[in-house]
Amino acid sequence: TTAKFPVSSTAPAADISAKKKTDSHRNITLEITARNLASPDRLNPAGNNYSVWIVTKEYGVKNVGQLMIRNAKKSSFKTTTPFDFNEIFITVENQGDLKYPTGTEISRTKI
């Protein structure tokens, strides 16, 4: 399954998409590709990283990692999780190991 994130008012130039697949062990693989996404320290309010969150069907919101921005042209993120989910969102955070989002939400999509 593939989904595109809507245009963000915080980072309007960003073009973000996600792919969700189930592997042979019934784990879910999530891949996110972001193009033209500004470094989190250039946003208002600024942050240290982009955290990727999933909304699971049984366990609520889970932090699945950080989207690393190497250059503004293209960034990617890939993770595997045992939790099935139907929604993904990205926030700007000052810490990477948060249990719940506290920063500004960049964009959200259903998948």
C-alpha atoms as a PDB file:
ATOM      1  CA  THR A   1       0.000   0.000   0.000  1.00  0.00           C
ATOM      2  CA  THR A   2       1.268   3.478  -0.855  1.00  0.00           C
ATOM      3  CA  ALA A   3       0.130   6.861   0.465  1.00  0.00           C
ATOM      4  CA  LYS A   4       1.134  10.476  -0.104  1.00  0.00           C
ATOM      5  CA  PHE A   5       1.231  12.955   2.743  1.00  0.00           C
ATOM      6  CA  PRO A   6      -0.744  16.185   2.168  1.00  0.00           C
ATOM      7  CA  VAL A   7       1.141  19.463   1.735  1.00  0.00           C
ATOM      8  CA  SER A   8       2.405  20.712   5.080  1.00  0.00           C
ATOM      9  CA  SER A   9       1.843  24.292   6.195  1.00  0.00           C
ATOM     10  CA  THR A  10       5.040  24.033   8.294  1.00  0.00           C
ATOM     11  CA  ALA A  11       7.220  22.631   5.475  1.00  0.00           C
ATOM     12  CA  PRO A  12       5.241  23.354   2.276  1.00  0.00           C
ATOM     13  CA  ALA A  13       7.979  22.349  -0.196  1.00  0.00           C
ATOM     14  CA  ALA A  14       8.145  18.814   1.208  1.00  0.00           C
ATOM     15  CA  ASP A  15       6.901  15.937  -0.940  1.00  0.00           C
ATOM     16  CA  ILE A  16       6.482  12.938   1.385  1.00  0.00           C
ATOM     17  CA  SER A  17       5.224   9.436   0.588  1.00  0.00           C
ATOM     18  CA  ALA A  18       4.960   6.173   2.511  1.00  0.00           C
ATOM     19  CA  LYS A  19       4.867   2.472   1.609  1.00  0.00           C
ATOM     20  CA  LYS A  20       3.489  -0.221   3.897  1.00  0.00           C
ATOM     21  CA  LYS A  21       4.126  -3.941   3.337  1.00  0.00           C
ATOM     22  CA  THR A  22       3.604  -7.108   5.366  1.00  0.00           C
ATOM     23  CA  ASP A  23       6.542  -9.532   5.375  1.00  0.00           C
ATOM     24  CA  SER A  24       6.532 -13.339   5.649  1.00  0.00           C
ATOM     25  CA  HIS A  25       6.685 -13.131   9.470  1.00  0.00           C
ATOM     26  CA  ARG A  26       3.570 -10.922   9.566  1.00  0.00           C
ATOM     27  CA  ASN A  27       5.604  -7.855  10.549  1.00  0.00           C
ATOM     28  CA  ILE A  28       4.832  -4.524   8.912  1.00  0.00           C
ATOM     29  CA  THR A  29       7.561  -2.733   6.960  1.00  0.00           C
ATOM     30  CA  LEU A  30       7.206   1.027   6.645  1.00  0.00           C
ATOM     31  CA  GLU A  31       9.246   3.059   4.156  1.00  0.00           C
ATOM     32  CA  ILE A  32       9.020   6.848   3.973  1.00  0.00           C
ATOM     33  CA  THR A  33      10.601   8.979   1.259  1.00  0.00           C
ATOM     34  CA  ALA A  34      10.779  12.748   1.678  1.00  0.00           C
ATOM     35  CA  ARG A  35      11.915  15.198  -0.975  1.00  0.00           C
ATOM     36  CA  ASN A  36      12.666  18.878  -0.351  1.00  0.00           C
ATOM     37  CA  LEU A  37      12.135  18.578   3.403  1.00  0.00           C
ATOM     38  CA  ALA A  38      13.898  21.374   5.293  1.00  0.00           C
ATOM     39  CA  SER A  39      16.258  20.582   8.122  1.00  0.00           C
ATOM     40  CA  PRO A  40      14.254  20.571  11.413  1.00  0.00           C
ATOM     41  CA  ASP A  41      16.397  23.365  12.867  1.00  0.00           C
ATOM     42  CA  ARG A  42      15.225  25.704  10.067  1.00  0.00           C
ATOM     43  CA  LEU A  43      11.530  25.417  10.910  1.00  0.00           C
ATOM     44  CA  ASN A  44       9.471  27.683  13.128  1.00  0.00           C
ATOM     45  CA  PRO A  45       9.352  26.417  15.827  1.00  0.00           C
ATOM     46  CA  ALA A  46      12.679  24.669  15.281  1.00  0.00           C
ATOM     47  CA  GLY A  47      13.549  21.188  16.488  1.00  0.00           C
ATOM     48  CA  ASN A  48      16.384  18.668  16.494  1.00  0.00           C
ATOM     49  CA  ASN A  49      14.760  15.846  14.511  1.00  0.00           C
ATOM     50  CA  TYR A  50      11.711  14.554  12.699  1.00  0.00           C
ATOM     51  CA  SER A  51       9.987  11.745  14.593  1.00  0.00           C
ATOM     52  CA  VAL A  52       7.830   9.221  12.738  1.00  0.00           C
ATOM     53  CA  TRP A  53       4.687   8.017  14.531  1.00  0.00           C
ATOM     54  CA  ILE A  54       2.130   5.348  13.729  1.00  0.00           C
ATOM     55  CA  VAL A  55      -1.430   5.096  15.021  1.00  0.00           C
ATOM     56  CA  THR A  56      -1.880   1.387  15.749  1.00  0.00           C
ATOM     57  CA  LYS A  57      -5.179  -0.413  15.724  1.00  0.00           C
ATOM     58  CA  GLU A  58      -4.742  -1.881  19.219  1.00  0.00           C
ATOM     59  CA  TYR A  59      -1.965  -0.017  21.057  1.00  0.00           C
ATOM     60  CA  GLY A  60      -2.438   3.687  20.288  1.00  0.00           C
ATOM     61  CA  VAL A  61       0.352   5.974  19.086  1.00  0.00           C
ATOM     62  CA  LYS A  62       3.871   4.525  18.743  1.00  0.00           C
ATOM     63  CA  ASN A  63       7.171   6.261  17.944  1.00  0.00           C
ATOM     64  CA  VAL A  64       8.868   4.144  15.255  1.00  0.00           C
ATOM     65  CA  GLY A  65      11.997   6.254  14.715  1.00  0.00           C
ATOM     66  CA  GLN A  66      13.477   9.372  13.225  1.00  0.00           C
ATOM     67  CA  LEU A  67      13.561  10.623   9.664  1.00  0.00           C
ATOM     68  CA  MET A  68      17.178  11.641   9.057  1.00  0.00           C
ATOM     69  CA  ILE A  69      17.702  14.646   6.805  1.00  0.00           C
ATOM     70  CA  ARG A  70      21.047  14.371   5.014  1.00  0.00           C
ATOM     71  CA  ASN A  71      20.250  16.903   2.339  1.00  0.00           C
ATOM     72  CA  ALA A  72      17.063  18.636   1.328  1.00  0.00           C
ATOM     73  CA  LYS A  73      16.746  16.788  -1.981  1.00  0.00           C
ATOM     74  CA  LYS A  74      15.852  13.318  -0.711  1.00  0.00           C
ATOM     75  CA  SER A  75      15.638  11.580   2.646  1.00  0.00           C
ATOM     76  CA  SER A  76      14.389   8.137   3.484  1.00  0.00           C
ATOM     77  CA  PHE A  77      13.313   6.098   6.481  1.00  0.00           C
ATOM     78  CA  LYS A  78      12.669   2.378   6.808  1.00  0.00           C
ATOM     79  CA  THR A  79      11.551   0.328   9.808  1.00  0.00           C
ATOM     80  CA  THR A  80       9.803  -2.913  10.676  1.00  0.00           C
ATOM     81  CA  THR A  81       7.188  -3.141  13.421  1.00  0.00           C
ATOM     82  CA  PRO A  82       4.927  -5.890  14.781  1.00  0.00           C
ATOM     83  CA  PHE A  83       2.099  -3.358  15.188  1.00  0.00           C
ATOM     84  CA  ASP A  84      -0.492  -2.979  12.447  1.00  0.00           C
ATOM     85  CA  PHE A  85      -1.437   0.630  11.790  1.00  0.00           C
ATOM     86  CA  ASN A  86      -3.660   2.727   9.569  1.00  0.00           C
ATOM     87  CA  GLU A  87      -2.215   6.217  10.054  1.00  0.00           C
ATOM     88  CA  ILE A  88       1.268   7.770   9.991  1.00  0.00           C
ATOM     89  CA  PHE A  89       2.365  11.225  11.054  1.00  0.00           C
ATOM     90  CA  ILE A  90       5.617  13.150  11.367  1.00  0.00           C
ATOM     91  CA  THR A  91       6.472  15.711  14.055  1.00  0.00           C
ATOM     92  CA  VAL A  92       9.403  18.038  14.723  1.00  0.00           C
ATOM     93  CA  GLU A  93      10.844  17.157  18.127  1.00  0.00           C
ATOM     94  CA  ASN A  94      13.757  18.173  20.344  1.00  0.00           C
ATOM     95  CA  GLN A  95      14.311  14.579  21.534  1.00  0.00           C
ATOM     96  CA  GLY A  96      14.219  11.356  19.551  1.00  0.00           C
ATOM     97  CA  ASP A  97      13.145   8.815  22.167  1.00  0.00           C
ATOM     98  CA  LEU A  98       9.759  10.228  23.127  1.00  0.00           C
ATOM     99  CA  LYS A  99       6.793   7.994  24.018  1.00  0.00           C
ATOM    100  CA  TYR A 100       4.236  10.612  22.935  1.00  0.00           C
ATOM    101  CA  PRO A 101       4.474  13.479  20.421  1.00  0.00           C
ATOM    102  CA  THR A 102       5.121  16.910  21.938  1.00  0.00           C
ATOM    103  CA  GLY A 103       6.300  18.924  18.925  1.00  0.00           C
ATOM    104  CA  THR A 104       4.679  20.431  15.870  1.00  0.00           C
ATOM    105  CA  GLU A 105       3.007  18.007  13.491  1.00  0.00           C
ATOM    106  CA  ILE A 106       4.401  18.318   9.952  1.00  0.00           C
ATOM    107  CA  SER A 107       1.972  16.059   8.110  1.00  0.00           C
ATOM    108  CA  ARG A 108      -0.348  13.064   8.573  1.00  0.00           C
ATOM    109  CA  THR A 109      -1.774  10.453   6.224  1.00  0.00           C
ATOM    110  CA  LYS A 110      -3.958   7.358   6.362  1.00  0.00           C
ATOM    111  CA  ILE A 111      -2.644   4.191   4.778  1.00  0.00           C
END
